[in-house]
Amino acid sequence: MSVTSDKHRKKIIKAAAFCVAITWSLLPEAAFACEGCFGAGVDSATVRAIGASMMVLIVLMGFMGGGIFTFFNRAHVRAAEIELEKTGQSASSSPDHE
């Protein structure tokens, strides 16, 4: 895979992740379960607490997923840099180095 298509693929993935994050932040009610599922009234304190805890867990999962993605992405970038150094090229002379 060429460097150009690799950079283009990364930009598409980042744009898609950004769009998903924006959609979730603009539609938080989609993350809440219906009150009927809990067997409680609409304004019950239990329903509000469980709904809030679901939102906290979704945010926590986002942070954990982001951390795992960042770790493996950084490991991939570091491996590519080491491979460039082994072949005698410096990372600063590569066309995709920013």
C-alpha atoms as a PDB file:
ATOM      1  CA  MET A   1       0.000   0.000   0.000  1.00  0.00           C
ATOM      2  CA  SER A   2       1.428   3.366  -0.914  1.00  0.00           C
ATOM      3  CA  VAL A   3       2.064   6.166   1.533  1.00  0.00           C
ATOM      4  CA  THR A   4      -0.556   8.388  -0.111  1.00  0.00           C
ATOM      5  CA  SER A   5      -3.359   5.845   0.142  1.00  0.00           C
ATOM      6  CA  ASP A   6      -2.339   5.055   3.729  1.00  0.00           C
ATOM      7  CA  LYS A   7      -2.578   8.725   4.710  1.00  0.00           C
ATOM      8  CA  HIS A   8      -5.910   9.019   2.878  1.00  0.00           C
ATOM      9  CA  ARG A   9      -7.258   5.957   4.724  1.00  0.00           C
ATOM     10  CA  LYS A  10      -6.198   7.422   8.078  1.00  0.00           C
ATOM     11  CA  LYS A  11      -7.960  10.695   7.293  1.00  0.00           C
ATOM     12  CA  ILE A  12     -11.159   8.838   6.399  1.00  0.00           C
ATOM     13  CA  ILE A  13     -11.049   6.830   9.644  1.00  0.00           C
ATOM     14  CA  LYS A  14     -10.485   9.978  11.709  1.00  0.00           C
ATOM     15  CA  ALA A  15     -13.335  11.773   9.936  1.00  0.00           C
ATOM     16  CA  ALA A  16     -15.689   8.818  10.501  1.00  0.00           C
ATOM     17  CA  ALA A  17     -14.782   8.611  14.192  1.00  0.00           C
ATOM     18  CA  PHE A  18     -15.339  12.352  14.549  1.00  0.00           C
ATOM     19  CA  CYS A  19     -18.772  12.097  12.885  1.00  0.00           C
ATOM     20  CA  VAL A  20     -19.801   9.241  15.192  1.00  0.00           C
ATOM     21  CA  ALA A  21     -18.653  11.168  18.278  1.00  0.00           C
ATOM     22  CA  ILE A  22     -20.547  14.291  17.210  1.00  0.00           C
ATOM     23  CA  THR A  23     -23.695  12.263  16.488  1.00  0.00           C
ATOM     24  CA  TRP A  24     -23.577  10.600  19.907  1.00  0.00           C
ATOM     25  CA  SER A  25     -23.017  13.908  21.668  1.00  0.00           C
ATOM     26  CA  LEU A  26     -25.934  15.558  19.835  1.00  0.00           C
ATOM     27  CA  LEU A  27     -28.319  12.635  20.441  1.00  0.00           C
ATOM     28  CA  PRO A  28     -27.709  11.508  24.040  1.00  0.00           C
ATOM     29  CA  GLU A  29     -31.261  10.216  24.388  1.00  0.00           C
ATOM     30  CA  ALA A  30     -30.312   7.389  22.036  1.00  0.00           C
ATOM     31  CA  ALA A  31     -28.001   6.074  24.750  1.00  0.00           C
ATOM     32  CA  PHE A  32     -30.734   5.932  27.378  1.00  0.00           C
ATOM     33  CA  ALA A  33     -32.962   2.881  27.745  1.00  0.00           C
ATOM     34  CA  CYS A  34     -36.703   3.347  27.882  1.00  0.00           C
ATOM     35  CA  GLU A  35     -38.386   3.628  31.269  1.00  0.00           C
ATOM     36  CA  GLY A  36     -40.562   0.599  30.526  1.00  0.00           C
ATOM     37  CA  CYS A  37     -37.475  -1.593  30.491  1.00  0.00           C
ATOM     38  CA  PHE A  38     -36.839  -0.728  34.123  1.00  0.00           C
ATOM     39  CA  GLY A  39     -40.442  -1.261  35.224  1.00  0.00           C
ATOM     40  CA  ALA A  40     -40.565   2.154  36.839  1.00  0.00           C
ATOM     41  CA  GLY A  41     -42.334   5.437  36.270  1.00  0.00           C
ATOM     42  CA  VAL A  42     -41.060   8.087  33.893  1.00  0.00           C
ATOM     43  CA  ASP A  43     -39.807  10.457  36.586  1.00  0.00           C
ATOM     44  CA  SER A  44     -38.529   7.842  39.001  1.00  0.00           C
ATOM     45  CA  ALA A  45     -35.190   8.611  40.624  1.00  0.00           C
ATOM     46  CA  THR A  46     -34.101   5.052  39.868  1.00  0.00           C
ATOM     47  CA  VAL A  47     -34.740   5.495  36.147  1.00  0.00           C
ATOM     48  CA  ARG A  48     -32.778   8.775  36.065  1.00  0.00           C
ATOM     49  CA  ALA A  49     -29.886   7.230  38.015  1.00  0.00           C
ATOM     50  CA  ILE A  50     -29.686   4.161  35.777  1.00  0.00           C
ATOM     51  CA  GLY A  51     -29.888   6.348  32.668  1.00  0.00           C
ATOM     52  CA  ALA A  52     -27.069   8.565  33.947  1.00  0.00           C
ATOM     53  CA  SER A  53     -24.949   5.536  34.847  1.00  0.00           C
ATOM     54  CA  MET A  54     -25.418   4.175  31.313  1.00  0.00           C
ATOM     55  CA  MET A  55     -24.182   7.457  29.882  1.00  0.00           C
ATOM     56  CA  VAL A  56     -21.134   7.393  32.182  1.00  0.00           C
ATOM     57  CA  LEU A  57     -20.331   3.829  31.110  1.00  0.00           C
ATOM     58  CA  ILE A  58     -20.629   4.733  27.424  1.00  0.00           C
ATOM     59  CA  VAL A  59     -18.221   7.640  27.918  1.00  0.00           C
ATOM     60  CA  LEU A  60     -15.856   5.370  29.869  1.00  0.00           C
ATOM     61  CA  MET A  61     -15.937   2.807  27.067  1.00  0.00           C
ATOM     62  CA  GLY A  62     -15.119   5.578  24.603  1.00  0.00           C
ATOM     63  CA  PHE A  63     -12.069   6.623  26.612  1.00  0.00           C
ATOM     64  CA  MET A  64     -10.882   3.039  27.000  1.00  0.00           C
ATOM     65  CA  GLY A  65     -11.404   2.290  23.307  1.00  0.00           C
ATOM     66  CA  GLY A  66      -9.613   5.490  22.376  1.00  0.00           C
ATOM     67  CA  GLY A  67      -6.705   4.597  24.629  1.00  0.00           C
ATOM     68  CA  ILE A  68      -6.398   1.112  23.170  1.00  0.00           C
ATOM     69  CA  PHE A  69      -6.619   2.490  19.620  1.00  0.00           C
ATOM     70  CA  THR A  70      -4.006   5.144  20.395  1.00  0.00           C
ATOM     71  CA  PHE A  71      -1.650   2.561  21.891  1.00  0.00           C
ATOM     72  CA  PHE A  72      -1.779   0.263  18.874  1.00  0.00           C
ATOM     73  CA  ASN A  73      -1.686   3.153  16.400  1.00  0.00           C
ATOM     74  CA  ARG A  74       1.404   4.587  18.101  1.00  0.00           C
ATOM     75  CA  ALA A  75       3.024   1.129  18.163  1.00  0.00           C
ATOM     76  CA  HIS A  76       2.393   0.846  14.421  1.00  0.00           C
ATOM     77  CA  VAL A  77       3.906   4.279  13.765  1.00  0.00           C
ATOM     78  CA  ARG A  78       6.946   3.484  15.908  1.00  0.00           C
ATOM     79  CA  ALA A  79       7.450   0.170  14.106  1.00  0.00           C
ATOM     80  CA  ALA A  80       7.331   1.978  10.758  1.00  0.00           C
ATOM     81  CA  GLU A  81       9.891   4.515  11.993  1.00  0.00           C
ATOM     82  CA  ILE A  82      12.211   1.733  13.184  1.00  0.00           C
ATOM     83  CA  GLU A  83      11.840  -0.048   9.845  1.00  0.00           C
ATOM     84  CA  LEU A  84      12.792   3.169   8.038  1.00  0.00           C
ATOM     85  CA  GLU A  85      15.874   3.506  10.224  1.00  0.00           C
ATOM     86  CA  LYS A  86      16.882  -0.098   9.497  1.00  0.00           C
ATOM     87  CA  THR A  87      16.729   0.495   5.761  1.00  0.00           C
ATOM     88  CA  GLY A  88      19.030   3.492   6.103  1.00  0.00           C
ATOM     89  CA  GLN A  89      16.463   6.232   5.638  1.00  0.00           C
ATOM     90  CA  SER A  90      15.796   8.766   8.327  1.00  0.00           C
ATOM     91  CA  ALA A  91      12.247   9.405   9.456  1.00  0.00           C
ATOM     92  CA  SER A  92      12.594  13.114   8.677  1.00  0.00           C
ATOM     93  CA  SER A  93      13.355  12.372   5.006  1.00  0.00           C
ATOM     94  CA  SER A  94      10.234  10.251   4.518  1.00  0.00           C
ATOM     95  CA  PRO A  95       7.434  11.976   2.574  1.00  0.00           C
ATOM     96  CA  ASP A  96       4.748  11.243   5.184  1.00  0.00           C
ATOM     97  CA  HIS A  97       6.656  12.685   8.164  1.00  0.00           C
ATOM     98  CA  GLU A  98       4.935  15.747   9.604  1.00  0.00           C
END
